[in-house]
């Protein structure tokens, strides 16, 4: 575990950095659980759209 807390690198529309703790401080992508869940939701929706377009 790192000596200091590594925070999420996501910025709001106003340029404010998220203050949540990064899920994996050693990863290349440093995001908190909230933003990780949002990213997973967006990826899932994109796959669903792609699947619907393929079946049309």
C-alpha atoms as a PDB file:
ATOM      1  CA  UNK A   1       0.000   0.000   0.000  1.00  0.00           C
ATOM      2  CA  UNK A   2       1.361   3.445  -0.880  1.00  0.00           C
ATOM      3  CA  UNK A   3       2.402   5.882   1.829  1.00  0.00           C
ATOM      4  CA  UNK A   4      -0.049   8.454   0.537  1.00  0.00           C
ATOM      5  CA  UNK A   5      -3.519   8.220  -0.962  1.00  0.00           C
ATOM      6  CA  UNK A   6      -3.627   8.366  -4.759  1.00  0.00           C
ATOM      7  CA  UNK A   7      -6.745  10.168  -5.934  1.00  0.00           C
ATOM      8  CA  UNK A   8      -8.945   9.702  -8.984  1.00  0.00           C
ATOM      9  CA  UNK A   9      -7.766  11.543 -12.122  1.00  0.00           C
ATOM     10  CA  UNK A  10     -11.245  12.275 -13.522  1.00  0.00           C
ATOM     11  CA  UNK A  11     -12.053  15.956 -14.029  1.00  0.00           C
ATOM     12  CA  UNK A  12     -15.520  17.475 -13.875  1.00  0.00           C
ATOM     13  CA  UNK A  13     -16.874  19.690 -16.616  1.00  0.00           C
ATOM     14  CA  UNK A  14     -15.608  22.665 -14.612  1.00  0.00           C
ATOM     15  CA  UNK A  15     -12.107  21.232 -14.380  1.00  0.00           C
ATOM     16  CA  UNK A  16     -12.310  20.099 -10.744  1.00  0.00           C
ATOM     17  CA  UNK A  17     -10.493  16.852  -9.999  1.00  0.00           C
ATOM     18  CA  UNK A  18     -12.409  14.055  -8.269  1.00  0.00           C
ATOM     19  CA  UNK A  19     -11.261  13.528  -4.682  1.00  0.00           C
ATOM     20  CA  UNK A  20     -12.119   9.810  -4.540  1.00  0.00           C
ATOM     21  CA  UNK A  21      -9.392   7.290  -3.806  1.00  0.00           C
ATOM     22  CA  UNK A  22      -8.088   5.402  -6.837  1.00  0.00           C
ATOM     23  CA  UNK A  23      -9.190   1.759  -6.976  1.00  0.00           C
ATOM     24  CA  UNK A  24      -5.680   0.650  -8.003  1.00  0.00           C
ATOM     25  CA  UNK A  25      -3.026   3.268  -7.228  1.00  0.00           C
ATOM     26  CA  UNK A  26      -0.431   1.341  -9.270  1.00  0.00           C
ATOM     27  CA  UNK A  27      -2.529   1.128 -12.449  1.00  0.00           C
ATOM     28  CA  UNK A  28      -2.034   3.314 -15.517  1.00  0.00           C
ATOM     29  CA  UNK A  29      -5.658   4.447 -15.219  1.00  0.00           C
ATOM     30  CA  UNK A  30      -6.208   5.943 -11.770  1.00  0.00           C
ATOM     31  CA  UNK A  31      -9.957   6.202 -11.177  1.00  0.00           C
ATOM     32  CA  UNK A  32     -12.207   5.775  -8.160  1.00  0.00           C
ATOM     33  CA  UNK A  33     -14.907   3.118  -7.761  1.00  0.00           C
ATOM     34  CA  UNK A  34     -17.644   5.581  -8.745  1.00  0.00           C
ATOM     35  CA  UNK A  35     -16.010   6.487 -12.044  1.00  0.00           C
ATOM     36  CA  UNK A  36     -15.013   2.879 -12.715  1.00  0.00           C
ATOM     37  CA  UNK A  37     -18.668   1.849 -12.365  1.00  0.00           C
ATOM     38  CA  UNK A  38     -19.730   4.662 -14.702  1.00  0.00           C
ATOM     39  CA  UNK A  39     -17.146   3.556 -17.289  1.00  0.00           C
ATOM     40  CA  UNK A  40     -18.366  -0.046 -17.055  1.00  0.00           C
ATOM     41  CA  UNK A  41     -21.966   1.108 -17.570  1.00  0.00           C
ATOM     42  CA  UNK A  42     -20.999   3.144 -20.646  1.00  0.00           C
ATOM     43  CA  UNK A  43     -19.025   0.243 -22.154  1.00  0.00           C
ATOM     44  CA  UNK A  44     -21.931  -2.130 -21.529  1.00  0.00           C
ATOM     45  CA  UNK A  45     -24.363   0.256 -23.245  1.00  0.00           C
ATOM     46  CA  UNK A  46     -22.010   0.597 -26.233  1.00  0.00           C
ATOM     47  CA  UNK A  47     -21.795  -3.193 -26.615  1.00  0.00           C
ATOM     48  CA  UNK A  48     -25.583  -3.462 -26.414  1.00  0.00           C
ATOM     49  CA  UNK A  49     -25.988  -0.830 -29.156  1.00  0.00           C
ATOM     50  CA  UNK A  50     -23.424  -2.593 -31.339  1.00  0.00           C
ATOM     51  CA  UNK A  51     -25.159  -5.925 -30.838  1.00  0.00           C
ATOM     52  CA  UNK A  52     -28.548  -4.427 -31.796  1.00  0.00           C
ATOM     53  CA  UNK A  53     -27.043  -2.858 -34.931  1.00  0.00           C
ATOM     54  CA  UNK A  54     -25.486  -6.184 -35.991  1.00  0.00           C
ATOM     55  CA  UNK A  55     -28.804  -8.005 -35.650  1.00  0.00           C
ATOM     56  CA  UNK A  56     -30.698  -5.397 -37.718  1.00  0.00           C
END
